[in-house]
C-alpha cells in the first residue's frame, strides 16, 4: 500500500481483547510526500488504509483515523486546528474535556467533545489525541454517535506505540 506500509509481522493470538500487545502484530508507517513520518504498531487483526499523511485503522469493534497536521510545530498550536483537521470524518467538533498525556516521552493533549458525523450528519462524540513525534504533529480520532470505551482504548493503544520510522 502506498503510505501505509507494513514493515513486518509476527504470529500472535487473535485480538479478542483490545489489550493485545502491539508487539504481536504489525508495524505501519505513515508517509507524507514520499517520506516516512510516523510508525505505529497494531494487533494482527487490525487493517490499515492510507493516503498521503493519513492512516485509517479498522479493528473488529472500532475505527481510528490519524492525520499529519501540515505546518504544525507544536501540540498546543495544533489543538486550535483539530476541528478543521478531522472535518472529513467529524464536523463541528467542540471539545468539552481536555487532558494532558505523554506520548513517546513528549507532552500531548486528549480532547473529548461533541459534533456531527461527517457521513450522515448525525450528532456524535469524538475522542481526539494530538501528539508530536520528531518534527511532526499528528491527530488521532475515534468517533461515533456515542463513544465506545473499546474504541477509545484502542486509539490510545495505537497512539502509545507511536515512534519515528
Protein backbone atom coordinates (compact mmCIF):
# COMPACT_ATOMS: atom_id res chain seq x y z
CA UNK A 1 0.00 0.00 0.00
CA UNK A 2 1.16 3.50 -0.71
CA UNK A 3 1.81 5.27 2.56
CA UNK A 4 0.55 2.55 4.86
CA UNK A 5 3.43 0.21 4.68
CA UNK A 6 3.55 -2.94 6.76
CA UNK A 7 7.12 -3.45 7.89
CA UNK A 8 6.85 -6.87 9.43
CA UNK A 9 4.52 -9.32 11.13
CA UNK A 10 4.71 -11.93 13.81
CA UNK A 11 2.09 -14.53 14.52
CA UNK A 12 0.15 -13.74 17.65
CA UNK A 13 -3.06 -14.55 19.41
CA UNK A 14 -6.37 -13.41 17.95
CA UNK A 15 -7.25 -9.96 19.25
CA UNK A 16 -10.43 -10.90 21.07
CA UNK A 17 -9.32 -8.39 23.67
CA UNK A 18 -8.28 -4.87 22.63
CA UNK A 19 -5.37 -5.12 25.05
CA UNK A 20 -3.47 -7.45 22.71
CA UNK A 21 0.16 -6.42 22.68
CA UNK A 22 1.01 -4.42 19.59
CA UNK A 23 4.35 -6.24 19.58
CA UNK A 24 2.44 -9.34 18.48
CA UNK A 25 1.14 -7.57 15.38
CA UNK A 26 2.26 -5.37 12.53
CA UNK A 27 4.11 -2.11 12.28
CA UNK A 28 2.69 0.52 9.92
CA UNK A 29 4.42 3.60 8.56
CA UNK A 30 2.68 6.82 7.53
CA UNK A 31 4.18 8.59 4.55
CA UNK A 32 3.85 12.20 3.53
CA UNK A 33 5.28 13.49 0.27
CA UNK A 34 7.12 10.17 -0.11
CA UNK A 35 8.87 10.48 3.29
CA UNK A 36 8.22 8.20 6.25
CA UNK A 37 6.89 10.36 9.12
CA UNK A 38 5.27 8.06 11.69
CA UNK A 39 5.45 4.42 12.75
CA UNK A 40 2.64 2.70 14.66
CA UNK A 41 2.15 -0.90 15.79
CA UNK A 42 -1.21 -2.71 15.74
CA UNK A 43 -2.55 -6.13 16.60
CA UNK A 44 -2.72 -8.62 13.71
CA UNK A 45 -6.49 -8.29 13.17
CA UNK A 46 -6.38 -4.53 12.55
CA UNK A 47 -6.43 -3.39 8.92
CA UNK A 48 -4.84 -0.17 7.65
CA UNK A 49 -5.60 2.04 4.64
CA UNK A 50 -3.76 5.24 3.86
CA UNK A 51 -3.46 8.40 1.91
CA UNK A 52 -0.69 10.96 1.86
CA UNK A 53 -0.28 11.98 5.51
CA UNK A 54 -3.15 9.78 6.73
CA UNK A 55 -3.73 6.32 8.15
CA UNK A 56 -7.12 4.73 8.76
CA UNK A 57 -7.19 1.71 11.06
CA UNK A 58 -10.18 -0.63 11.16
CA UNK A 59 -10.44 -3.07 14.05
CA UNK A 60 -13.29 -5.51 14.69
CA UNK A 61 -15.04 -3.10 17.10
CA UNK A 62 -13.78 0.39 16.17
CA UNK A 63 -12.01 2.66 13.69
CA UNK A 64 -9.27 5.24 14.24
CA UNK A 65 -8.00 7.89 11.84
CA UNK A 66 -4.56 9.51 12.02
CA UNK A 67 -3.58 12.70 10.21
CA UNK A 68 -0.34 14.60 9.87
CA UNK A 69 -1.09 18.24 10.77
CA UNK A 70 0.53 20.28 7.95
CA UNK A 71 2.69 23.14 9.18
CA UNK A 72 2.09 22.48 12.88
CA UNK A 73 5.17 22.99 15.04
CA UNK A 74 3.69 22.24 18.47
CA UNK A 75 0.90 20.22 20.04
CA UNK A 76 -0.62 23.39 21.54
CA UNK A 77 -0.52 25.07 18.14
CA UNK A 78 -2.30 22.13 16.51
CA UNK A 79 -5.03 21.89 19.16
CA UNK A 80 -6.70 25.01 17.74
CA UNK A 81 -6.90 23.37 14.32
CA UNK A 82 -8.33 19.99 15.39
CA UNK A 83 -11.87 20.64 14.15
CA UNK A 84 -10.52 21.53 10.69
CA UNK A 85 -8.17 18.54 10.67
CA UNK A 86 -10.89 15.96 11.43
CA UNK A 87 -13.67 17.52 9.29
CA UNK A 88 -13.58 14.67 6.73
CA UNK A 89 -14.76 12.30 9.49
CA UNK A 90 -16.34 14.54 12.15
CA UNK A 91 -17.77 18.07 11.80
CA UNK A 92 -18.42 20.92 14.24
CA UNK A 93 -16.14 19.43 16.90
CA UNK A 94 -16.46 21.28 20.20
CA UNK A 95 -14.22 19.84 22.92
CA UNK A 96 -15.63 19.91 26.44
CA UNK A 97 -12.90 17.86 28.12
CA UNK A 98 -9.12 18.23 27.78
CA UNK A 99 -6.45 16.10 29.43
CA UNK A 100 -2.67 16.09 29.31
CA UNK A 101 -0.93 12.90 28.12
CA UNK A 102 2.58 11.83 27.32
CA UNK A 103 3.29 10.11 24.01
CA UNK A 104 6.82 8.86 23.31
CA UNK A 105 8.09 10.98 26.21
CA UNK A 106 6.59 14.21 24.80
CA UNK A 107 3.57 16.14 26.13
CA UNK A 108 0.33 15.52 24.21
CA UNK A 109 -3.34 16.53 24.55
CA UNK A 110 -6.51 14.48 24.59
CA UNK A 111 -9.77 16.26 23.75
CA UNK A 112 -13.27 14.80 24.00
CA UNK A 113 -16.30 16.63 22.68
CA UNK A 114 -19.42 16.78 20.59
CA UNK A 115 -20.21 17.48 16.96
CA UNK A 116 -21.65 15.67 13.95
CA UNK A 117 -20.59 12.65 11.95
CA UNK A 118 -19.41 13.73 8.51
CA UNK A 119 -21.02 10.83 6.64
CA UNK A 120 -24.63 11.33 7.78
CA UNK A 121 -24.72 14.48 9.93
CA UNK A 122 -25.90 12.57 13.00
CA UNK A 123 -24.96 14.11 16.35
CA UNK A 124 -21.98 12.37 17.91
CA UNK A 125 -18.95 12.40 20.13
CA UNK A 126 -15.27 12.37 19.27
CA UNK A 127 -12.14 11.49 21.21
CA UNK A 128 -9.01 13.13 19.78
CA UNK A 129 -5.32 12.87 20.70
CA UNK A 130 -2.86 15.48 19.45
CA UNK A 131 0.79 14.40 19.70
CA UNK A 132 4.23 15.13 18.32
CA UNK A 133 6.80 12.63 17.03
CA UNK A 134 10.09 14.08 15.81
CA UNK A 135 9.39 17.26 13.83
CA UNK A 136 5.77 16.38 13.04
CA UNK A 137 2.46 16.84 14.86
CA UNK A 138 -0.36 14.32 14.41
CA UNK A 139 -4.05 14.00 15.28
CA UNK A 140 -5.73 10.67 16.07
CA UNK A 141 -9.53 10.46 16.20
CA UNK A 142 -12.11 7.91 17.30
CA UNK A 143 -15.76 8.96 16.95
CA UNK A 144 -19.34 7.80 16.75
CA UNK A 145 -22.89 8.60 17.72
CA UNK A 146 -21.59 7.77 21.19
CA UNK A 147 -18.07 6.91 22.26
CA UNK A 148 -17.26 3.25 22.69
CA UNK A 149 -14.76 2.60 25.52
CA UNK A 150 -13.22 -0.20 23.41
CA UNK A 151 -12.57 2.30 20.60
CA UNK A 152 -11.19 4.90 22.97
CA UNK A 153 -8.77 2.36 24.48
CA UNK A 154 -7.90 1.03 21.02
CA UNK A 155 -6.97 4.54 19.85
CA UNK A 156 -4.88 5.16 22.97
CA UNK A 157 -3.12 1.82 22.49
CA UNK A 158 -2.24 2.71 18.88
CA UNK A 159 -1.06 6.21 19.83
CA UNK A 160 1.15 4.86 22.62
CA UNK A 161 3.10 2.84 20.00
CA UNK A 162 3.99 6.00 18.03
CA UNK A 163 7.63 6.49 17.12
CA UNK A 164 9.91 7.77 14.40
CA UNK A 165 10.08 5.37 11.44
